[in-house]
């Protein structure tokens, strides 16, 4: 099994919306992929409650897949690409880790 973790820092405003509004849109867009993209085993998006630290990221995606090939299929899926495109317009930074467990 593969754990796929992505963390983001978002702009204070983007696409005419606040950071909080954009995080909620992105969270919903990603969570709506569960049951739609068959390779996803689990997926959750958490919003960071630590707003004081300048080094903290704003949100995290924690998802699981059977294989790295399944992660690649998820990333290539047009429905994921649509969610990722909006995310890219709103973010400042992104980090990712994929590991086997």
PDB file of N, CA and C in Angstrom:
ATOM      1  N   UNK A   1       0.846  -1.184   0.000  1.00  0.00           N
ATOM      2  CA  UNK A   1       0.000   0.000   0.000  1.00  0.00           C
ATOM      3  C   UNK A   1       0.894   1.251   0.000  1.00  0.00           C
ATOM      4  N   UNK A   2       0.381   2.294  -0.629  1.00  0.00           N
ATOM      5  CA  UNK A   2       1.086   3.569  -0.728  1.00  0.00           C
ATOM      6  C   UNK A   2       0.281   4.638   0.001  1.00  0.00           C
ATOM      7  N   UNK A   3       0.955   5.388   0.840  1.00  0.00           N
ATOM      8  CA  UNK A   3       0.360   6.570   1.452  1.00  0.00           C
ATOM      9  C   UNK A   3       0.855   7.770   0.659  1.00  0.00           C
ATOM     10  N   UNK A   4      -0.084   8.559   0.164  1.00  0.00           N
ATOM     11  CA  UNK A   4       0.188   9.742  -0.656  1.00  0.00           C
ATOM     12  C   UNK A   4      -0.231  10.952   0.168  1.00  0.00           C
ATOM     13  N   UNK A   5       0.750  11.773   0.547  1.00  0.00           N
ATOM     14  CA  UNK A   5       0.493  12.936   1.394  1.00  0.00           C
ATOM     15  C   UNK A   5       0.941  14.194   0.649  1.00  0.00           C
ATOM     16  N   UNK A   6       0.052  15.179   0.617  1.00  0.00           N
ATOM     17  CA  UNK A   6       0.352  16.455  -0.025  1.00  0.00           C
ATOM     18  C   UNK A   6      -0.043  17.563   0.940  1.00  0.00           C
ATOM     19  N   UNK A   7       0.835  18.552   1.107  1.00  0.00           N
ATOM     20  CA  UNK A   7       0.518  19.715   1.935  1.00  0.00           C
ATOM     21  C   UNK A   7       0.638  20.972   1.090  1.00  0.00           C
ATOM     22  N   UNK A   8      -0.228  21.947   1.385  1.00  0.00           N
ATOM     23  CA  UNK A   8      -0.242  23.182   0.619  1.00  0.00           C
ATOM     24  C   UNK A   8      -0.251  24.402   1.525  1.00  0.00           C
ATOM     25  N   UNK A   9       0.367  25.471   1.010  1.00  0.00           N
ATOM     26  CA  UNK A   9       0.196  26.822   1.552  1.00  0.00           C
ATOM     27  C   UNK A   9      -0.564  27.585   0.472  1.00  0.00           C
ATOM     28  N   UNK A  10      -1.583  28.322   0.905  1.00  0.00           N
ATOM     29  CA  UNK A  10      -2.429  29.024  -0.052  1.00  0.00           C
ATOM     30  C   UNK A  10      -2.290  30.539   0.061  1.00  0.00           C
ATOM     31  N   UNK A  11      -2.573  31.200  -1.054  1.00  0.00           N
ATOM     32  CA  UNK A  11      -2.600  32.669  -1.096  1.00  0.00           C
ATOM     33  C   UNK A  11      -3.746  33.165  -0.206  1.00  0.00           C
ATOM     34  N   UNK A  12      -3.587  34.363   0.347  1.00  0.00           N
ATOM     35  CA  UNK A  12      -4.655  34.947   1.167  1.00  0.00           C
ATOM     36  C   UNK A  12      -5.923  35.169   0.346  1.00  0.00           C
ATOM     37  N   UNK A  13      -5.747  35.495  -0.932  1.00  0.00           N
ATOM     38  CA  UNK A  13      -6.865  35.652  -1.857  1.00  0.00           C
ATOM     39  C   UNK A  13      -6.453  35.126  -3.225  1.00  0.00           C
ATOM     40  N   UNK A  14      -7.393  34.477  -3.886  1.00  0.00           N
ATOM     41  CA  UNK A  14      -7.161  33.984  -5.252  1.00  0.00           C
ATOM     42  C   UNK A  14      -8.508  33.719  -5.904  1.00  0.00           C
ATOM     43  N   UNK A  15      -8.577  33.961  -7.171  1.00  0.00           N
ATOM     44  CA  UNK A  15      -9.800  33.694  -7.940  1.00  0.00           C
ATOM     45  C   UNK A  15     -11.022  34.390  -7.339  1.00  0.00           C
ATOM     46  N   UNK A  16     -10.795  35.563  -6.739  1.00  0.00           N
ATOM     47  CA  UNK A  16     -11.890  36.346  -6.164  1.00  0.00           C
ATOM     48  C   UNK A  16     -12.432  35.820  -4.856  1.00  0.00           C
ATOM     49  N   UNK A  17     -11.693  34.895  -4.225  1.00  0.00           N
ATOM     50  CA  UNK A  17     -12.157  34.282  -2.980  1.00  0.00           C
ATOM     51  C   UNK A  17     -11.058  34.352  -1.922  1.00  0.00           C
ATOM     52  N   UNK A  18     -11.465  34.240  -0.681  1.00  0.00           N
ATOM     53  CA  UNK A  18     -10.509  34.231   0.424  1.00  0.00           C
ATOM     54  C   UNK A  18      -9.824  32.877   0.518  1.00  0.00           C
ATOM     55  N   UNK A  19      -8.738  32.838   1.285  1.00  0.00           N
ATOM     56  CA  UNK A  19      -8.029  31.575   1.521  1.00  0.00           C
ATOM     57  C   UNK A  19      -8.981  30.527   2.091  1.00  0.00           C
ATOM     58  N   UNK A  20      -9.772  30.921   3.083  1.00  0.00           N
ATOM     59  CA  UNK A  20     -10.701  29.973   3.721  1.00  0.00           C
ATOM     60  C   UNK A  20     -11.697  29.422   2.705  1.00  0.00           C
ATOM     61  N   UNK A  21     -12.258  30.298   1.872  1.00  0.00           N
ATOM     62  CA  UNK A  21     -13.210  29.846   0.845  1.00  0.00           C
ATOM     63  C   UNK A  21     -12.543  28.887  -0.134  1.00  0.00           C
ATOM     64  N   UNK A  22     -11.336  29.223  -0.579  1.00  0.00           N
ATOM     65  CA  UNK A  22     -10.643  28.358  -1.540  1.00  0.00           C
ATOM     66  C   UNK A  22     -10.273  27.018  -0.934  1.00  0.00           C
ATOM     67  N   UNK A  23      -9.851  27.003   0.317  1.00  0.00           N
ATOM     68  CA  UNK A  23      -9.537  25.723   0.962  1.00  0.00           C
ATOM     69  C   UNK A  23     -10.782  24.838   1.002  1.00  0.00           C
ATOM     70  N   UNK A  24     -11.923  25.408   1.318  1.00  0.00           N
ATOM     71  CA  UNK A  24     -13.160  24.610   1.369  1.00  0.00           C
ATOM     72  C   UNK A  24     -13.537  24.071  -0.015  1.00  0.00           C
ATOM     73  N   UNK A  25     -13.355  24.866  -1.048  1.00  0.00           N
ATOM     74  CA  UNK A  25     -13.625  24.416  -2.418  1.00  0.00           C
ATOM     75  C   UNK A  25     -12.691  23.261  -2.775  1.00  0.00           C
ATOM     76  N   UNK A  26     -11.411  23.438  -2.503  1.00  0.00           N
ATOM     77  CA  UNK A  26     -10.413  22.420  -2.831  1.00  0.00           C
ATOM     78  C   UNK A  26     -10.669  21.141  -2.031  1.00  0.00           C
ATOM     79  N   UNK A  27     -10.987  21.282  -0.759  1.00  0.00           N
ATOM     80  CA  UNK A  27     -11.299  20.126   0.094  1.00  0.00           C
ATOM     81  C   UNK A  27     -12.473  19.339  -0.495  1.00  0.00           C
ATOM     82  N   UNK A  28     -13.538  20.036  -0.836  1.00  0.00           N
ATOM     83  CA  UNK A  28     -14.716  19.365  -1.407  1.00  0.00           C
ATOM     84  C   UNK A  28     -14.388  18.715  -2.746  1.00  0.00           C
ATOM     85  N   UNK A  29     -13.679  19.446  -3.619  1.00  0.00           N
ATOM     86  CA  UNK A  29     -13.327  18.895  -4.937  1.00  0.00           C
ATOM     87  C   UNK A  29     -12.558  17.580  -4.791  1.00  0.00           C
ATOM     88  N   UNK A  30     -11.598  17.542  -3.874  1.00  0.00           N
ATOM     89  CA  UNK A  30     -10.801  16.322  -3.689  1.00  0.00           C
ATOM     90  C   UNK A  30     -11.601  15.216  -3.020  1.00  0.00           C
ATOM     91  N   UNK A  31     -12.351  15.551  -1.983  1.00  0.00           N
ATOM     92  CA  UNK A  31     -13.135  14.521  -1.293  1.00  0.00           C
ATOM     93  C   UNK A  31     -14.221  13.943  -2.192  1.00  0.00           C
ATOM     94  N   UNK A  32     -14.717  14.730  -3.133  1.00  0.00           N
ATOM     95  CA  UNK A  32     -15.725  14.234  -4.080  1.00  0.00           C
ATOM     96  C   UNK A  32     -15.164  13.201  -5.059  1.00  0.00           C
ATOM     97  N   UNK A  33     -13.843  13.050  -5.117  1.00  0.00           N
ATOM     98  CA  UNK A  33     -13.236  12.059  -6.016  1.00  0.00           C
ATOM     99  C   UNK A  33     -13.326  10.633  -5.456  1.00  0.00           C
ATOM    100  N   UNK A  34     -13.579  10.509  -4.149  1.00  0.00           N
ATOM    101  CA  UNK A  34     -13.716   9.188  -3.527  1.00  0.00           C
ATOM    102  C   UNK A  34     -14.952   8.498  -4.109  1.00  0.00           C
ATOM    103  N   UNK A  35     -14.776   7.267  -4.558  1.00  0.00           N
ATOM    104  CA  UNK A  35     -15.874   6.523  -5.172  1.00  0.00           C
ATOM    105  C   UNK A  35     -16.034   6.828  -6.649  1.00  0.00           C
ATOM    106  N   UNK A  36     -15.291   7.818  -7.148  1.00  0.00           N
ATOM    107  CA  UNK A  36     -15.348   8.199  -8.560  1.00  0.00           C
ATOM    108  C   UNK A  36     -14.094   7.719  -9.278  1.00  0.00           C
ATOM    109  N   UNK A  37     -12.940   7.974  -8.678  1.00  0.00           N
ATOM    110  CA  UNK A  37     -11.677   7.466  -9.221  1.00  0.00           C
ATOM    111  C   UNK A  37     -11.399   6.152  -8.499  1.00  0.00           C
ATOM    112  N   UNK A  38     -11.447   5.038  -9.220  1.00  0.00           N
ATOM    113  CA  UNK A  38     -11.425   3.728  -8.560  1.00  0.00           C
ATOM    114  C   UNK A  38     -10.128   3.381  -7.822  1.00  0.00           C
ATOM    115  N   UNK A  39      -9.039   4.019  -8.163  1.00  0.00           N
ATOM    116  CA  UNK A  39      -7.758   3.695  -7.524  1.00  0.00           C
ATOM    117  C   UNK A  39      -7.662   4.217  -6.082  1.00  0.00           C
ATOM    118  N   UNK A  40      -8.483   5.185  -5.730  1.00  0.00           N
ATOM    119  CA  UNK A  40      -8.433   5.753  -4.380  1.00  0.00           C
ATOM    120  C   UNK A  40      -8.980   4.735  -3.380  1.00  0.00           C
ATOM    121  N   UNK A  41      -8.159   4.387  -2.392  1.00  0.00           N
ATOM    122  CA  UNK A  41      -8.626   3.505  -1.309  1.00  0.00           C
ATOM    123  C   UNK A  41      -9.200   4.338  -0.170  1.00  0.00           C
ATOM    124  N   UNK A  42      -8.466   5.364   0.250  1.00  0.00           N
ATOM    125  CA  UNK A  42      -8.954   6.305   1.257  1.00  0.00           C
ATOM    126  C   UNK A  42      -8.438   7.689   0.879  1.00  0.00           C
ATOM    127  N   UNK A  43      -9.162   8.705   1.317  1.00  0.00           N
ATOM    128  CA  UNK A  43      -8.740  10.075   1.039  1.00  0.00           C
ATOM    129  C   UNK A  43      -9.403  10.995   2.048  1.00  0.00           C
ATOM    130  N   UNK A  44      -8.585  11.839   2.659  1.00  0.00           N
ATOM    131  CA  UNK A  44      -9.136  12.878   3.520  1.00  0.00           C
ATOM    132  C   UNK A  44      -8.305  14.141   3.362  1.00  0.00           C
ATOM    133  N   UNK A  45      -8.958  15.266   3.540  1.00  0.00           N
ATOM    134  CA  UNK A  45      -8.289  16.562   3.492  1.00  0.00           C
ATOM    135  C   UNK A  45      -8.496  17.217   4.844  1.00  0.00           C
ATOM    136  N   UNK A  46      -7.381  17.589   5.483  1.00  0.00           N
ATOM    137  CA  UNK A  46      -7.444  18.268   6.768  1.00  0.00           C
ATOM    138  C   UNK A  46      -7.029  19.712   6.619  1.00  0.00           C
ATOM    139  N   UNK A  47      -7.717  20.584   7.354  1.00  0.00           N
ATOM    140  CA  UNK A  47      -7.408  22.008   7.350  1.00  0.00           C
ATOM    141  C   UNK A  47      -6.681  22.318   8.655  1.00  0.00           C
ATOM    142  N   UNK A  48      -5.515  22.916   8.543  1.00  0.00           N
ATOM    143  CA  UNK A  48      -4.678  23.196   9.699  1.00  0.00           C
ATOM    144  C   UNK A  48      -5.338  24.223  10.616  1.00  0.00           C
ATOM    145  N   UNK A  49      -5.422  23.902  11.891  1.00  0.00           N
ATOM    146  CA  UNK A  49      -5.962  24.824  12.889  1.00  0.00           C
ATOM    147  C   UNK A  49      -4.875  25.728  13.459  1.00  0.00           C
ATOM    148  N   UNK A  50      -3.608  25.425  13.172  1.00  0.00           N
ATOM    149  CA  UNK A  50      -2.479  26.221  13.639  1.00  0.00           C
ATOM    150  C   UNK A  50      -2.278  27.381  12.670  1.00  0.00           C
ATOM    151  N   UNK A  51      -2.840  28.521  13.004  1.00  0.00           N
ATOM    152  CA  UNK A  51      -2.726  29.690  12.129  1.00  0.00           C
ATOM    153  C   UNK A  51      -1.644  30.660  12.599  1.00  0.00           C
ATOM    154  N   UNK A  52      -0.965  30.331  13.686  1.00  0.00           N
ATOM    155  CA  UNK A  52       0.042  31.227  14.253  1.00  0.00           C
ATOM    156  C   UNK A  52       1.440  31.020  13.651  1.00  0.00           C
ATOM    157  N   UNK A  53       1.780  29.796  13.314  1.00  0.00           N
ATOM    158  CA  UNK A  53       3.125  29.479  12.845  1.00  0.00           C
ATOM    159  C   UNK A  53       3.307  29.884  11.390  1.00  0.00           C
ATOM    160  N   UNK A  54       4.369  30.616  11.115  1.00  0.00           N
ATOM    161  CA  UNK A  54       4.665  31.016   9.735  1.00  0.00           C
ATOM    162  C   UNK A  54       5.175  29.843   8.901  1.00  0.00           C
ATOM    163  N   UNK A  55       5.609  28.774   9.548  1.00  0.00           N
ATOM    164  CA  UNK A  55       6.111  27.610   8.812  1.00  0.00           C
ATOM    165  C   UNK A  55       5.030  26.557   8.584  1.00  0.00           C
ATOM    166  N   UNK A  56       3.850  26.760   9.166  1.00  0.00           N
ATOM    167  CA  UNK A  56       2.768  25.781   9.026  1.00  0.00           C
ATOM    168  C   UNK A  56       2.160  25.843   7.628  1.00  0.00           C
ATOM    169  N   UNK A  57       1.781  24.687   7.126  1.00  0.00           N
ATOM    170  CA  UNK A  57       1.029  24.613   5.880  1.00  0.00           C
ATOM    171  C   UNK A  57      -0.454  24.752   6.205  1.00  0.00           C
ATOM    172  N   UNK A  58      -1.253  25.134   5.219  1.00  0.00           N
ATOM    173  CA  UNK A  58      -2.671  25.417   5.451  1.00  0.00           C
ATOM    174  C   UNK A  58      -3.561  24.187   5.411  1.00  0.00           C
ATOM    175  N   UNK A  59      -3.210  23.210   4.599  1.00  0.00           N
ATOM    176  CA  UNK A  59      -4.055  22.024   4.449  1.00  0.00           C
ATOM    177  C   UNK A  59      -3.208  20.832   4.034  1.00  0.00           C
ATOM    178  N   UNK A  60      -3.750  19.644   4.291  1.00  0.00           N
ATOM    179  CA  UNK A  60      -3.049  18.404   3.959  1.00  0.00           C
ATOM    180  C   UNK A  60      -4.028  17.405   3.350  1.00  0.00           C
ATOM    181  N   UNK A  61      -3.549  16.686   2.360  1.00  0.00           N
ATOM    182  CA  UNK A  61      -4.267  15.558   1.777  1.00  0.00           C
ATOM    183  C   UNK A  61      -3.548  14.298   2.228  1.00  0.00           C
ATOM    184  N   UNK A  62      -4.292  13.357   2.804  1.00  0.00           N
ATOM    185  CA  UNK A  62      -3.745  12.055   3.171  1.00  0.00           C
ATOM    186  C   UNK A  62      -4.613  11.017   2.465  1.00  0.00           C
ATOM    187  N   UNK A  63      -3.988  10.254   1.566  1.00  0.00           N
ATOM    188  CA  UNK A  63      -4.742   9.266   0.799  1.00  0.00           C
ATOM    189  C   UNK A  63      -3.934   7.987   0.676  1.00  0.00           C
ATOM    190  N   UNK A  64      -4.628   6.898   0.385  1.00  0.00           N
ATOM    191  CA  UNK A  64      -3.950   5.617   0.216  1.00  0.00           C
ATOM    192  C   UNK A  64      -4.352   4.986  -1.113  1.00  0.00           C
ATOM    193  N   UNK A  65      -3.372   4.254  -1.658  1.00  0.00           N
ATOM    194  CA  UNK A  65      -3.514   3.559  -2.934  1.00  0.00           C
ATOM    195  C   UNK A  65      -2.823   2.208  -2.809  1.00  0.00           C
ATOM    196  N   UNK A  66      -3.174   1.284  -3.667  1.00  0.00           N
ATOM    197  CA  UNK A  66      -2.538  -0.038  -3.633  1.00  0.00           C
ATOM    198  C   UNK A  66      -1.090   0.015  -4.123  1.00  0.00           C
ATOM    199  N   UNK A  67      -0.837   0.800  -5.172  1.00  0.00           N
ATOM    200  CA  UNK A  67       0.489   0.812  -5.806  1.00  0.00           C
ATOM    201  C   UNK A  67       0.830   2.227  -6.280  1.00  0.00           C
ATOM    202  N   UNK A  68       2.091   2.440  -6.610  1.00  0.00           N
ATOM    203  CA  UNK A  68       2.495   3.714  -7.203  1.00  0.00           C
ATOM    204  C   UNK A  68       1.850   3.902  -8.581  1.00  0.00           C
ATOM    205  N   UNK A  69       1.592   2.812  -9.280  1.00  0.00           N
ATOM    206  CA  UNK A  69       0.888   2.896 -10.565  1.00  0.00           C
ATOM    207  C   UNK A  69      -0.519   3.454 -10.361  1.00  0.00           C
ATOM    208  N   UNK A  70      -1.154   3.078  -9.251  1.00  0.00           N
ATOM    209  CA  UNK A  70      -2.479   3.619  -8.942  1.00  0.00           C
ATOM    210  C   UNK A  70      -2.410   5.112  -8.611  1.00  0.00           C
ATOM    211  N   UNK A  71      -1.359   5.533  -7.928  1.00  0.00           N
ATOM    212  CA  UNK A  71      -1.157   6.963  -7.664  1.00  0.00           C
ATOM    213  C   UNK A  71      -1.017   7.700  -8.994  1.00  0.00           C
ATOM    214  N   UNK A  72      -0.242   7.146  -9.898  1.00  0.00           N
ATOM    215  CA  UNK A  72      -0.046   7.769 -11.216  1.00  0.00           C
ATOM    216  C   UNK A  72      -1.362   7.843 -11.989  1.00  0.00           C
ATOM    217  N   UNK A  73      -2.161   6.794 -11.921  1.00  0.00           N
ATOM    218  CA  UNK A  73      -3.456   6.796 -12.614  1.00  0.00           C
ATOM    219  C   UNK A  73      -4.384   7.857 -12.024  1.00  0.00           C
ATOM    220  N   UNK A  74      -4.386   7.993 -10.714  1.00  0.00           N
ATOM    221  CA  UNK A  74      -5.171   9.022 -10.023  1.00  0.00           C
ATOM    222  C   UNK A  74      -4.729  10.415 -10.477  1.00  0.00           C
ATOM    223  N   UNK A  75      -3.423  10.645 -10.502  1.00  0.00           N
ATOM    224  CA  UNK A  75      -2.907  11.959 -10.889  1.00  0.00           C
ATOM    225  C   UNK A  75      -3.199  12.279 -12.351  1.00  0.00           C
ATOM    226  N   UNK A  76      -3.276  11.252 -13.193  1.00  0.00           N
ATOM    227  CA  UNK A  76      -3.539  11.454 -14.628  1.00  0.00           C
ATOM    228  C   UNK A  76      -5.025  11.558 -14.946  1.00  0.00           C
ATOM    229  N   UNK A  77      -5.877  11.169 -14.013  1.00  0.00           N
ATOM    230  CA  UNK A  77      -7.319  11.181 -14.251  1.00  0.00           C
ATOM    231  C   UNK A  77      -7.797  12.626 -14.481  1.00  0.00           C
ATOM    232  N   UNK A  78      -8.602  12.864 -15.511  1.00  0.00           N
ATOM    233  CA  UNK A  78      -9.064  14.232 -15.806  1.00  0.00           C
ATOM    234  C   UNK A  78      -9.829  14.878 -14.649  1.00  0.00           C
ATOM    235  N   UNK A  79     -10.516  14.079 -13.851  1.00  0.00           N
ATOM    236  CA  UNK A  79     -11.261  14.641 -12.714  1.00  0.00           C
ATOM    237  C   UNK A  79     -10.304  15.148 -11.639  1.00  0.00           C
ATOM    238  N   UNK A  80      -9.198  14.431 -11.431  1.00  0.00           N
ATOM    239  CA  UNK A  80      -8.182  14.919 -10.498  1.00  0.00           C
ATOM    240  C   UNK A  80      -7.484  16.141 -11.086  1.00  0.00           C
ATOM    241  N   UNK A  81      -7.181  16.084 -12.372  1.00  0.00           N
ATOM    242  CA  UNK A  81      -6.504  17.212 -13.018  1.00  0.00           C
ATOM    243  C   UNK A  81      -7.315  18.500 -12.902  1.00  0.00           C
ATOM    244  N   UNK A  82      -8.639  18.397 -12.977  1.00  0.00           N
ATOM    245  CA  UNK A  82      -9.498  19.571 -12.837  1.00  0.00           C
ATOM    246  C   UNK A  82      -9.371  20.153 -11.424  1.00  0.00           C
ATOM    247  N   UNK A  83      -9.414  19.304 -10.412  1.00  0.00           N
ATOM    248  CA  UNK A  83      -9.255  19.770  -9.025  1.00  0.00           C
ATOM    249  C   UNK A  83      -7.866  20.354  -8.816  1.00  0.00           C
ATOM    250  N   UNK A  84      -6.861  19.707  -9.365  1.00  0.00           N
ATOM    251  CA  UNK A  84      -5.481  20.162  -9.209  1.00  0.00           C
ATOM    252  C   UNK A  84      -5.258  21.506  -9.900  1.00  0.00           C
ATOM    253  N   UNK A  85      -5.922  21.745 -11.013  1.00  0.00           N
ATOM    254  CA  UNK A  85      -5.758  23.005 -11.743  1.00  0.00           C
ATOM    255  C   UNK A  85      -6.253  24.183 -10.913  1.00  0.00           C
ATOM    256  N   UNK A  86      -7.396  24.023 -10.246  1.00  0.00           N
ATOM    257  CA  UNK A  86      -7.897  25.099  -9.399  1.00  0.00           C
ATOM    258  C   UNK A  86      -6.965  25.305  -8.206  1.00  0.00           C
ATOM    259  N   UNK A  87      -6.531  24.199  -7.620  1.00  0.00           N
ATOM    260  CA  UNK A  87      -5.596  24.250  -6.492  1.00  0.00           C
ATOM    261  C   UNK A  87      -4.354  25.057  -6.877  1.00  0.00           C
ATOM    262  N   UNK A  88      -3.820  24.790  -8.039  1.00  0.00           N
ATOM    263  CA  UNK A  88      -2.588  25.456  -8.495  1.00  0.00           C
ATOM    264  C   UNK A  88      -2.765  26.971  -8.587  1.00  0.00           C
ATOM    265  N   UNK A  89      -3.955  27.436  -8.952  1.00  0.00           N
ATOM    266  CA  UNK A  89      -4.229  28.863  -9.046  1.00  0.00           C
ATOM    267  C   UNK A  89      -4.225  29.536  -7.660  1.00  0.00           C
ATOM    268  N   UNK A  90      -4.477  28.742  -6.631  1.00  0.00           N
ATOM    269  CA  UNK A  90      -4.668  29.276  -5.284  1.00  0.00           C
ATOM    270  C   UNK A  90      -3.471  29.097  -4.365  1.00  0.00           C
ATOM    271  N   UNK A  91      -2.532  28.268  -4.720  1.00  0.00           N
ATOM    272  CA  UNK A  91      -1.468  27.925  -3.778  1.00  0.00           C
ATOM    273  C   UNK A  91      -0.194  28.733  -3.986  1.00  0.00           C
ATOM    274  N   UNK A  92       0.557  28.782  -2.900  1.00  0.00           N
ATOM    275  CA  UNK A  92       1.883  29.392  -2.891  1.00  0.00           C
ATOM    276  C   UNK A  92       2.947  28.303  -2.947  1.00  0.00           C
ATOM    277  N   UNK A  93       2.680  27.209  -2.229  1.00  0.00           N
ATOM    278  CA  UNK A  93       3.679  26.151  -2.097  1.00  0.00           C
ATOM    279  C   UNK A  93       2.979  24.811  -1.958  1.00  0.00           C
ATOM    280  N   UNK A  94       3.727  23.758  -2.295  1.00  0.00           N
ATOM    281  CA  UNK A  94       3.202  22.395  -2.233  1.00  0.00           C
ATOM    282  C   UNK A  94       4.361  21.457  -1.950  1.00  0.00           C
ATOM    283  N   UNK A  95       4.124  20.486  -1.078  1.00  0.00           N
ATOM    284  CA  UNK A  95       5.093  19.410  -0.862  1.00  0.00           C
ATOM    285  C   UNK A  95       4.336  18.085  -0.909  1.00  0.00           C
ATOM    286  N   UNK A  96       5.035  17.043  -1.325  1.00  0.00           N
ATOM    287  CA  UNK A  96       4.397  15.733  -1.452  1.00  0.00           C
ATOM    288  C   UNK A  96       5.362  14.644  -0.970  1.00  0.00           C
ATOM    289  N   UNK A  97       4.765  13.617  -0.363  1.00  0.00           N
ATOM    290  CA  UNK A  97       5.514  12.418   0.032  1.00  0.00           C
ATOM    291  C   UNK A  97       4.649  11.215  -0.326  1.00  0.00           C
ATOM    292  N   UNK A  98       5.264  10.231  -0.968  1.00  0.00           N
ATOM    293  CA  UNK A  98       4.622   8.945  -1.247  1.00  0.00           C
ATOM    294  C   UNK A  98       5.488   7.875  -0.613  1.00  0.00           C
ATOM    295  N   UNK A  99       4.896   7.058   0.273  1.00  0.00           N
ATOM    296  CA  UNK A  99       5.696   5.998   0.880  1.00  0.00           C
ATOM    297  C   UNK A  99       4.885   4.719   1.006  1.00  0.00           C
ATOM    298  N   UNK A 100       5.630   3.639   1.047  1.00  0.00           N
ATOM    299  CA  UNK A 100       5.003   2.321   1.163  1.00  0.00           C
ATOM    300  C   UNK A 100       4.839   1.980   2.643  1.00  0.00           C
ATOM    301  N   UNK A 101       3.695   1.388   2.949  1.00  0.00           N
ATOM    302  CA  UNK A 101       3.463   0.971   4.339  1.00  0.00           C
ATOM    303  C   UNK A 101       2.819  -0.383   4.386  1.00  0.00           C
TER     304      UNK A 101
END
